[in-house]
Amino acid sequence: MNKGHSLLKAFGAISLLLLLVVSESADAGLFGFGGDSWKEEVLLHDGQKIIVKRSQSYGGRHEIGQPPPIKEHTITFTLPGSNKAITWTSEYGEDLGRTNFNLLAVHTLNGTPYIVAEPNLSLSYNKWGRPNPPYVFFKYDGKEWHRIPLEEFPSEFKTINVALTLGGRDVEAMVSLGVVSSENIKERNSHLTQPEYKTIIRTPLDAWKSRPPGSNSGRMVRTADGWMGMDWFEDQPSLEACLKLCEQKKISSQNCPCNSLFNGK
């Protein structure tokens, strides 16, 4: 057997091994990015608690070397005094390259469930009408979920009551707990400083007000590997989203324009 034939045989064996690994890992997620699920104890406005099962898959557009974003997020729960399971899904948006929403709260009133969600970054924020305060509300009619305006969202509901930080280590910790208690959820969310995450806001927030486009037209921002136009940063819906863009693009704090654009808000 010649050397070339031996190399081809070895390469074929390695390829077969990789194919088997990928195939066997399909249900668990390719290289750990398939999906996660866990349960949360959600405190309702009247003091009752429900168990909400949350699951999310990963995929979509992302930078090389970065983990994929959340592709789809689904919750399932049963109303107090009922045995009917209700499901809500934030689906993948082909136009967004990721899921449409981030879940903020689950509430019920007189047997009717409601969802509070936020658009997932600026493309979704534009897609869903640039709401201010930055929420999208849903009501279940017994068969389907329908978007409703803020005015139809019951005033009894005031709390953000699900875990908001769903990064890798946060999810790993919640999965390991089995059921994340309502006290744990409150503690996990306590470090978030944005007012829209402290309670359900019902009046417009200054940080989410539109600014005149092109006010910095022509300016460029230095990134780790090149330059970006200022319009990328002007288009962000909030200071938090703008700072996240700086982080993603590895822009130094002295070059990041977010604080000046948003006047420190």
C-alpha atoms as a PDB file:
ATOM      1  CA  MET A   1       0.000   0.000   0.000  1.00  0.00           C
ATOM      2  CA  ASN A   2       1.493   3.354  -1.027  1.00  0.00           C
ATOM      3  CA  LYS A   3       1.643   6.447   1.157  1.00  0.00           C
ATOM      4  CA  GLY A   4      -1.009   8.342  -0.826  1.00  0.00           C
ATOM      5  CA  HIS A   5      -3.491   5.496  -0.500  1.00  0.00           C
ATOM      6  CA  SER A   6      -2.879   5.356   3.255  1.00  0.00           C
ATOM      7  CA  LEU A   7      -3.577   9.079   3.604  1.00  0.00           C
ATOM      8  CA  LEU A   8      -6.800   8.765   1.628  1.00  0.00           C
ATOM      9  CA  LYS A   9      -7.907   5.850   3.778  1.00  0.00           C
ATOM     10  CA  ALA A  10      -7.143   7.779   6.971  1.00  0.00           C
ATOM     11  CA  PHE A  11      -8.996  10.833   5.663  1.00  0.00           C
ATOM     12  CA  GLY A  12     -11.987   8.683   4.826  1.00  0.00           C
ATOM     13  CA  ALA A  13     -12.037   7.208   8.320  1.00  0.00           C
ATOM     14  CA  ILE A  14     -11.894  10.661   9.905  1.00  0.00           C
ATOM     15  CA  SER A  15     -14.702  11.920   7.651  1.00  0.00           C
ATOM     16  CA  LEU A  16     -16.869   8.925   8.594  1.00  0.00           C
ATOM     17  CA  LEU A  17     -16.194   9.544  12.286  1.00  0.00           C
ATOM     18  CA  LEU A  18     -17.159  13.207  11.983  1.00  0.00           C
ATOM     19  CA  LEU A  19     -20.328  12.253  10.101  1.00  0.00           C
ATOM     20  CA  LEU A  20     -21.308   9.867  12.893  1.00  0.00           C
ATOM     21  CA  VAL A  21     -20.621  12.472  15.566  1.00  0.00           C
ATOM     22  CA  VAL A  22     -22.721  15.073  13.763  1.00  0.00           C
ATOM     23  CA  SER A  23     -25.528  12.596  13.202  1.00  0.00           C
ATOM     24  CA  GLU A  24     -25.591  11.411  16.817  1.00  0.00           C
ATOM     25  CA  SER A  25     -25.459  14.999  18.048  1.00  0.00           C
ATOM     26  CA  ALA A  26     -28.373  16.229  15.952  1.00  0.00           C
ATOM     27  CA  ASP A  27     -30.961  15.925  18.716  1.00  0.00           C
ATOM     28  CA  ALA A  28     -28.697  17.487  21.329  1.00  0.00           C
ATOM     29  CA  GLY A  29     -27.571  20.254  18.989  1.00  0.00           C
ATOM     30  CA  LEU A  30     -24.532  20.546  16.774  1.00  0.00           C
ATOM     31  CA  PHE A  31     -21.492  21.279  18.943  1.00  0.00           C
ATOM     32  CA  GLY A  32     -23.786  22.243  21.831  1.00  0.00           C
ATOM     33  CA  PHE A  33     -25.873  24.830  19.973  1.00  0.00           C
ATOM     34  CA  GLY A  34     -29.035  22.778  19.457  1.00  0.00           C
ATOM     35  CA  GLY A  35     -31.306  24.000  22.214  1.00  0.00           C
ATOM     36  CA  ASP A  36     -32.046  24.320  25.909  1.00  0.00           C
ATOM     37  CA  SER A  37     -35.117  24.013  28.099  1.00  0.00           C
ATOM     38  CA  TRP A  38     -35.914  24.768  31.724  1.00  0.00           C
ATOM     39  CA  LYS A  39     -38.824  25.694  33.994  1.00  0.00           C
ATOM     40  CA  GLU A  40     -39.584  28.922  35.850  1.00  0.00           C
ATOM     41  CA  GLU A  41     -41.913  29.645  38.743  1.00  0.00           C
ATOM     42  CA  VAL A  42     -43.736  32.796  37.604  1.00  0.00           C
ATOM     43  CA  LEU A  43     -45.381  35.050  40.199  1.00  0.00           C
ATOM     44  CA  LEU A  44     -48.681  36.500  38.958  1.00  0.00           C
ATOM     45  CA  HIS A  45     -50.212  39.843  39.944  1.00  0.00           C
ATOM     46  CA  ASP A  46     -52.645  38.210  42.419  1.00  0.00           C
ATOM     47  CA  GLY A  47     -49.964  36.246  44.256  1.00  0.00           C
ATOM     48  CA  GLN A  48     -50.611  32.943  42.497  1.00  0.00           C
ATOM     49  CA  LYS A  49     -47.739  31.116  40.837  1.00  0.00           C
ATOM     50  CA  ILE A  50     -47.588  29.086  37.649  1.00  0.00           C
ATOM     51  CA  ILE A  51     -44.835  26.931  36.195  1.00  0.00           C
ATOM     52  CA  VAL A  52     -43.701  28.076  32.767  1.00  0.00           C
ATOM     53  CA  LYS A  53     -41.603  25.734  30.662  1.00  0.00           C
ATOM     54  CA  ARG A  54     -39.216  27.641  28.408  1.00  0.00           C
ATOM     55  CA  SER A  55     -37.221  26.232  25.509  1.00  0.00           C
ATOM     56  CA  GLN A  56     -35.050  27.841  22.874  1.00  0.00           C
ATOM     57  CA  SER A  57     -33.139  26.753  19.798  1.00  0.00           C
ATOM     58  CA  TYR A  58     -30.114  28.472  18.271  1.00  0.00           C
ATOM     59  CA  GLY A  59     -29.238  29.478  14.727  1.00  0.00           C
ATOM     60  CA  GLY A  60     -29.418  32.299  12.222  1.00  0.00           C
ATOM     61  CA  ARG A  61     -27.032  35.061  11.234  1.00  0.00           C
ATOM     62  CA  HIS A  62     -24.027  35.772  13.431  1.00  0.00           C
ATOM     63  CA  GLU A  63     -20.416  36.890  13.287  1.00  0.00           C
ATOM     64  CA  ILE A  64     -17.722  34.290  12.549  1.00  0.00           C
ATOM     65  CA  GLY A  65     -16.382  32.981  15.833  1.00  0.00           C
ATOM     66  CA  GLN A  66     -19.481  34.091  17.763  1.00  0.00           C
ATOM     67  CA  PRO A  67     -22.166  31.679  19.021  1.00  0.00           C
ATOM     68  CA  PRO A  68     -25.435  31.719  17.058  1.00  0.00           C
ATOM     69  CA  PRO A  69     -28.327  33.813  18.432  1.00  0.00           C
ATOM     70  CA  ILE A  70     -31.595  32.462  19.742  1.00  0.00           C
ATOM     71  CA  LYS A  71     -33.477  31.227  16.683  1.00  0.00           C
ATOM     72  CA  GLU A  72     -36.834  30.403  18.266  1.00  0.00           C
ATOM     73  CA  HIS A  73     -38.210  30.633  21.794  1.00  0.00           C
ATOM     74  CA  THR A  74     -41.276  28.756  23.085  1.00  0.00           C
ATOM     75  CA  ILE A  75     -43.084  28.774  26.411  1.00  0.00           C
ATOM     76  CA  THR A  76     -45.771  26.395  27.668  1.00  0.00           C
ATOM     77  CA  PHE A  77     -47.880  26.824  30.798  1.00  0.00           C
ATOM     78  CA  THR A  78     -51.187  25.847  32.373  1.00  0.00           C
ATOM     79  CA  LEU A  79     -53.581  28.425  33.813  1.00  0.00           C
ATOM     80  CA  PRO A  80     -54.536  28.170  37.500  1.00  0.00           C
ATOM     81  CA  GLY A  81     -57.509  25.837  37.897  1.00  0.00           C
ATOM     82  CA  SER A  82     -57.118  24.488  34.371  1.00  0.00           C
ATOM     83  CA  ASN A  83     -55.546  21.419  32.813  1.00  0.00           C
ATOM     84  CA  LYS A  84     -55.161  22.920  29.348  1.00  0.00           C
ATOM     85  CA  ALA A  85     -51.596  23.645  28.245  1.00  0.00           C
ATOM     86  CA  ILE A  86     -51.097  26.940  26.415  1.00  0.00           C
ATOM     87  CA  THR A  87     -48.125  27.636  24.152  1.00  0.00           C
ATOM     88  CA  TRP A  88     -46.632  30.879  22.853  1.00  0.00           C
ATOM     89  CA  THR A  89     -43.724  30.976  20.405  1.00  0.00           C
ATOM     90  CA  SER A  90     -41.438  33.769  19.330  1.00  0.00           C
ATOM     91  CA  GLU A  91     -40.705  32.513  15.842  1.00  0.00           C
ATOM     92  CA  TYR A  92     -37.629  32.899  13.685  1.00  0.00           C
ATOM     93  CA  GLY A  93     -37.667  35.952  11.449  1.00  0.00           C
ATOM     94  CA  GLU A  94     -35.958  35.353   8.120  1.00  0.00           C
ATOM     95  CA  ASP A  95     -35.680  39.110   7.724  1.00  0.00           C
ATOM     96  CA  LEU A  96     -34.044  39.388  11.154  1.00  0.00           C
ATOM     97  CA  GLY A  97     -31.756  36.366  11.145  1.00  0.00           C
ATOM     98  CA  ARG A  98     -32.965  35.479  14.667  1.00  0.00           C
ATOM     99  CA  THR A  99     -36.120  35.229  16.795  1.00  0.00           C
ATOM    100  CA  ASN A 100     -38.548  38.166  16.726  1.00  0.00           C
ATOM    101  CA  PHE A 101     -38.947  38.772  20.470  1.00  0.00           C
ATOM    102  CA  ASN A 102     -37.496  38.539  23.944  1.00  0.00           C
ATOM    103  CA  LEU A 103     -40.035  37.404  26.552  1.00  0.00           C
ATOM    104  CA  LEU A 104     -40.581  39.834  29.467  1.00  0.00           C
ATOM    105  CA  ALA A 105     -43.690  38.713  31.331  1.00  0.00           C
ATOM    106  CA  VAL A 106     -46.562  36.210  31.497  1.00  0.00           C
ATOM    107  CA  HIS A 107     -49.811  37.315  33.178  1.00  0.00           C
ATOM    108  CA  THR A 108     -53.390  36.074  33.474  1.00  0.00           C
ATOM    109  CA  LEU A 109     -56.728  37.715  34.343  1.00  0.00           C
ATOM    110  CA  ASN A 110     -60.138  36.002  34.549  1.00  0.00           C
ATOM    111  CA  GLY A 111     -58.769  32.933  32.796  1.00  0.00           C
ATOM    112  CA  THR A 112     -57.217  34.919  29.928  1.00  0.00           C
ATOM    113  CA  PRO A 113     -53.433  34.848  29.481  1.00  0.00           C
ATOM    114  CA  TYR A 114     -51.336  37.783  28.287  1.00  0.00           C
ATOM    115  CA  ILE A 115     -47.732  38.093  27.120  1.00  0.00           C
ATOM    116  CA  VAL A 116     -45.356  41.043  27.302  1.00  0.00           C
ATOM    117  CA  ALA A 117     -42.423  40.869  24.894  1.00  0.00           C
ATOM    118  CA  GLU A 118     -39.828  43.259  23.514  1.00  0.00           C
ATOM    119  CA  PRO A 119     -38.578  43.394  19.910  1.00  0.00           C
ATOM    120  CA  ASN A 120     -35.256  41.593  19.547  1.00  0.00           C
ATOM    121  CA  LEU A 121     -32.767  44.370  18.601  1.00  0.00           C
ATOM    122  CA  SER A 122     -33.197  47.194  16.116  1.00  0.00           C
ATOM    123  CA  LEU A 123     -34.379  45.323  13.000  1.00  0.00           C
ATOM    124  CA  SER A 124     -37.213  43.756  14.975  1.00  0.00           C
ATOM    125  CA  TYR A 125     -37.931  47.074  16.695  1.00  0.00           C
ATOM    126  CA  ASN A 126     -38.453  48.701  13.294  1.00  0.00           C
ATOM    127  CA  LYS A 127     -40.466  45.726  12.038  1.00  0.00           C
ATOM    128  CA  TRP A 128     -42.917  45.929  14.945  1.00  0.00           C
ATOM    129  CA  GLY A 129     -43.575  49.648  14.624  1.00  0.00           C
ATOM    130  CA  ARG A 130     -40.931  51.149  16.946  1.00  0.00           C
ATOM    131  CA  PRO A 131     -43.153  50.983  20.074  1.00  0.00           C
ATOM    132  CA  ASN A 132     -42.481  53.371  22.962  1.00  0.00           C
ATOM    133  CA  PRO A 133     -42.524  52.072  25.650  1.00  0.00           C
ATOM    134  CA  PRO A 134     -40.659  49.259  23.867  1.00  0.00           C
ATOM    135  CA  TYR A 135     -43.168  46.445  24.377  1.00  0.00           C
ATOM    136  CA  VAL A 136     -45.327  44.227  22.190  1.00  0.00           C
ATOM    137  CA  PHE A 137     -48.412  42.826  23.954  1.00  0.00           C
ATOM    138  CA  PHE A 138     -50.295  39.609  23.148  1.00  0.00           C
ATOM    139  CA  LYS A 139     -53.644  38.247  24.336  1.00  0.00           C
ATOM    140  CA  TYR A 140     -54.882  34.658  23.969  1.00  0.00           C
ATOM    141  CA  ASP A 141     -58.501  34.296  22.805  1.00  0.00           C
ATOM    142  CA  GLY A 142     -58.782  30.583  23.580  1.00  0.00           C
ATOM    143  CA  LYS A 143     -57.450  29.522  20.174  1.00  0.00           C
ATOM    144  CA  GLU A 144     -54.831  32.003  19.010  1.00  0.00           C
ATOM    145  CA  TRP A 145     -52.571  34.786  20.220  1.00  0.00           C
ATOM    146  CA  HIS A 146     -53.314  38.302  18.974  1.00  0.00           C
ATOM    147  CA  ARG A 147     -51.301  41.465  19.332  1.00  0.00           C
ATOM    148  CA  ILE A 148     -53.121  44.129  21.340  1.00  0.00           C
ATOM    149  CA  PRO A 149     -52.338  47.812  21.986  1.00  0.00           C
ATOM    150  CA  LEU A 150     -51.089  49.042  25.339  1.00  0.00           C
ATOM    151  CA  GLU A 151     -54.528  50.501  26.073  1.00  0.00           C
ATOM    152  CA  GLU A 152     -56.057  46.986  26.097  1.00  0.00           C
ATOM    153  CA  PHE A 153     -53.395  45.525  28.369  1.00  0.00           C
ATOM    154  CA  PRO A 154     -54.912  45.199  31.894  1.00  0.00           C
ATOM    155  CA  SER A 155     -53.708  47.841  34.348  1.00  0.00           C
ATOM    156  CA  GLU A 156     -53.431  45.168  37.057  1.00  0.00           C
ATOM    157  CA  PHE A 157     -50.272  43.864  35.434  1.00  0.00           C
ATOM    158  CA  LYS A 158     -47.180  45.716  36.590  1.00  0.00           C
ATOM    159  CA  THR A 159     -44.342  43.215  36.975  1.00  0.00           C
ATOM    160  CA  ILE A 160     -41.646  41.787  34.743  1.00  0.00           C
ATOM    161  CA  ASN A 161     -41.763  38.228  36.052  1.00  0.00           C
ATOM    162  CA  VAL A 162     -39.570  35.946  33.912  1.00  0.00           C
ATOM    163  CA  ALA A 163     -35.786  35.623  33.694  1.00  0.00           C
ATOM    164  CA  LEU A 164     -34.445  38.161  31.211  1.00  0.00           C
ATOM    165  CA  THR A 165     -30.766  37.295  30.760  1.00  0.00           C
ATOM    166  CA  LEU A 166     -30.578  34.218  28.561  1.00  0.00           C
ATOM    167  CA  GLY A 167     -26.861  34.025  27.756  1.00  0.00           C
ATOM    168  CA  GLY A 168     -24.926  30.758  27.796  1.00  0.00           C
ATOM    169  CA  ARG A 169     -23.935  30.591  31.462  1.00  0.00           C
ATOM    170  CA  ASP A 170     -27.256  32.020  32.654  1.00  0.00           C
ATOM    171  CA  VAL A 171     -29.148  29.307  30.791  1.00  0.00           C
ATOM    172  CA  GLU A 172     -26.786  26.596  32.018  1.00  0.00           C
ATOM    173  CA  ALA A 173     -27.409  27.692  35.598  1.00  0.00           C
ATOM    174  CA  MET A 174     -31.186  27.702  35.146  1.00  0.00           C
ATOM    175  CA  VAL A 175     -31.214  24.313  33.442  1.00  0.00           C
ATOM    176  CA  SER A 176     -29.237  22.869  36.351  1.00  0.00           C
ATOM    177  CA  LEU A 177     -31.812  24.141  38.876  1.00  0.00           C
ATOM    178  CA  GLY A 178     -34.691  22.165  37.398  1.00  0.00           C
ATOM    179  CA  VAL A 179     -37.222  24.859  38.366  1.00  0.00           C
ATOM    180  CA  VAL A 180     -36.072  28.467  38.772  1.00  0.00           C
ATOM    181  CA  SER A 181     -37.953  29.997  41.716  1.00  0.00           C
ATOM    182  CA  SER A 182     -39.717  33.368  41.500  1.00  0.00           C
ATOM    183  CA  GLU A 183     -37.280  34.680  44.138  1.00  0.00           C
ATOM    184  CA  ASN A 184     -34.352  33.572  41.982  1.00  0.00           C
ATOM    185  CA  ILE A 185     -35.880  35.285  38.946  1.00  0.00           C
ATOM    186  CA  LYS A 186     -36.282  38.529  40.892  1.00  0.00           C
ATOM    187  CA  GLU A 187     -32.657  38.360  42.013  1.00  0.00           C
ATOM    188  CA  ARG A 188     -31.388  37.592  38.504  1.00  0.00           C
ATOM    189  CA  ASN A 189     -33.243  40.576  37.048  1.00  0.00           C
ATOM    190  CA  SER A 190     -32.290  43.001  39.828  1.00  0.00           C
ATOM    191  CA  HIS A 191     -28.990  44.023  38.181  1.00  0.00           C
ATOM    192  CA  LEU A 192     -30.790  45.407  35.104  1.00  0.00           C
ATOM    193  CA  THR A 193     -31.066  49.184  35.383  1.00  0.00           C
ATOM    194  CA  GLN A 194     -33.312  50.070  32.427  1.00  0.00           C
ATOM    195  CA  PRO A 195     -36.719  51.311  33.656  1.00  0.00           C
ATOM    196  CA  GLU A 196     -38.591  49.127  31.150  1.00  0.00           C
ATOM    197  CA  TYR A 197     -37.155  46.066  32.921  1.00  0.00           C
ATOM    198  CA  LYS A 198     -37.981  47.246  36.453  1.00  0.00           C
ATOM    199  CA  THR A 199     -41.735  47.426  35.899  1.00  0.00           C
ATOM    200  CA  ILE A 200     -44.177  47.529  32.985  1.00  0.00           C
ATOM    201  CA  ILE A 201     -43.980  51.151  31.817  1.00  0.00           C
ATOM    202  CA  ARG A 202     -47.118  52.737  30.354  1.00  0.00           C
ATOM    203  CA  THR A 203     -45.789  56.098  29.186  1.00  0.00           C
ATOM    204  CA  PRO A 204     -43.164  56.876  26.499  1.00  0.00           C
ATOM    205  CA  LEU A 205     -39.529  56.784  27.578  1.00  0.00           C
ATOM    206  CA  ASP A 206     -37.049  59.459  26.515  1.00  0.00           C
ATOM    207  CA  ALA A 207     -34.405  56.842  25.707  1.00  0.00           C
ATOM    208  CA  TRP A 208     -36.720  55.358  23.066  1.00  0.00           C
ATOM    209  CA  LYS A 209     -37.786  58.591  21.382  1.00  0.00           C
ATOM    210  CA  SER A 210     -36.804  58.914  17.729  1.00  0.00           C
ATOM    211  CA  ARG A 211     -33.896  61.186  16.842  1.00  0.00           C
ATOM    212  CA  PRO A 212     -33.473  63.010  13.514  1.00  0.00           C
ATOM    213  CA  PRO A 213     -31.760  60.670  11.035  1.00  0.00           C
ATOM    214  CA  GLY A 214     -28.466  61.674   9.503  1.00  0.00           C
ATOM    215  CA  SER A 215     -27.546  64.126  12.242  1.00  0.00           C
ATOM    216  CA  ASN A 216     -24.042  62.696  12.086  1.00  0.00           C
ATOM    217  CA  SER A 217     -24.074  61.835   8.392  1.00  0.00           C
ATOM    218  CA  GLY A 218     -20.643  61.125   6.954  1.00  0.00           C
ATOM    219  CA  ARG A 219     -18.950  60.402  10.269  1.00  0.00           C
ATOM    220  CA  MET A 220     -17.166  57.074  10.588  1.00  0.00           C
ATOM    221  CA  VAL A 221     -16.419  55.043  13.705  1.00  0.00           C
ATOM    222  CA  ARG A 222     -13.195  53.061  14.119  1.00  0.00           C
ATOM    223  CA  THR A 223     -13.756  49.355  14.775  1.00  0.00           C
ATOM    224  CA  ALA A 224     -11.316  46.584  15.594  1.00  0.00           C
ATOM    225  CA  ASP A 225     -10.886  45.713  11.909  1.00  0.00           C
ATOM    226  CA  GLY A 226     -12.031  48.760   9.962  1.00  0.00           C
ATOM    227  CA  TRP A 227     -14.659  51.517   9.965  1.00  0.00           C
ATOM    228  CA  MET A 228     -18.459  51.763  10.314  1.00  0.00           C
ATOM    229  CA  GLY A 229     -20.807  54.573   9.340  1.00  0.00           C
ATOM    230  CA  MET A 230     -22.441  56.565  12.151  1.00  0.00           C
ATOM    231  CA  ASP A 231     -25.893  55.639  10.829  1.00  0.00           C
ATOM    232  CA  TRP A 232     -25.387  52.130  12.230  1.00  0.00           C
ATOM    233  CA  PHE A 233     -25.357  53.637  15.717  1.00  0.00           C
ATOM    234  CA  GLU A 234     -28.050  56.275  15.096  1.00  0.00           C
ATOM    235  CA  ASP A 235     -30.423  53.493  14.029  1.00  0.00           C
ATOM    236  CA  GLN A 236     -30.222  51.689  17.394  1.00  0.00           C
ATOM    237  CA  PRO A 237     -33.432  51.962  19.463  1.00  0.00           C
ATOM    238  CA  SER A 238     -31.737  52.542  22.828  1.00  0.00           C
ATOM    239  CA  LEU A 239     -28.449  53.194  24.573  1.00  0.00           C
ATOM    240  CA  GLU A 240     -28.298  49.549  25.615  1.00  0.00           C
ATOM    241  CA  ALA A 241     -28.686  48.316  22.029  1.00  0.00           C
ATOM    242  CA  CYS A 242     -26.083  50.838  20.833  1.00  0.00           C
ATOM    243  CA  LEU A 243     -23.571  49.741  23.471  1.00  0.00           C
ATOM    244  CA  LYS A 244     -24.218  46.122  22.544  1.00  0.00           C
ATOM    245  CA  LEU A 245     -23.340  46.950  18.936  1.00  0.00           C
ATOM    246  CA  CYS A 246     -20.054  48.524  20.109  1.00  0.00           C
ATOM    247  CA  GLU A 247     -19.321  45.376  22.076  1.00  0.00           C
ATOM    248  CA  GLN A 248     -20.134  43.087  19.146  1.00  0.00           C
ATOM    249  CA  LYS A 249     -17.912  45.101  16.811  1.00  0.00           C
ATOM    250  CA  LYS A 250     -15.140  45.318  19.448  1.00  0.00           C
ATOM    251  CA  ILE A 251     -15.150  49.122  19.442  1.00  0.00           C
ATOM    252  CA  SER A 252     -13.130  50.689  22.233  1.00  0.00           C
ATOM    253  CA  SER A 253     -14.893  52.813  24.851  1.00  0.00           C
ATOM    254  CA  GLN A 254     -13.223  56.005  23.603  1.00  0.00           C
ATOM    255  CA  ASN A 255     -14.397  55.326  20.021  1.00  0.00           C
ATOM    256  CA  CYS A 256     -17.918  54.144  20.866  1.00  0.00           C
ATOM    257  CA  PRO A 257     -20.305  57.066  20.096  1.00  0.00           C
ATOM    258  CA  CYS A 258     -23.317  55.745  22.014  1.00  0.00           C
ATOM    259  CA  ASN A 259     -23.188  57.899  25.127  1.00  0.00           C
ATOM    260  CA  SER A 260     -22.919  61.103  23.127  1.00  0.00           C
ATOM    261  CA  LEU A 261     -25.663  60.010  20.704  1.00  0.00           C
ATOM    262  CA  PHE A 262     -28.080  59.134  23.491  1.00  0.00           C
ATOM    263  CA  ASN A 263     -26.973  61.977  25.807  1.00  0.00           C
ATOM    264  CA  GLY A 264     -26.133  59.481  28.526  1.00  0.00           C
ATOM    265  CA  LYS A 265     -29.711  58.146  28.665  1.00  0.00           C
END
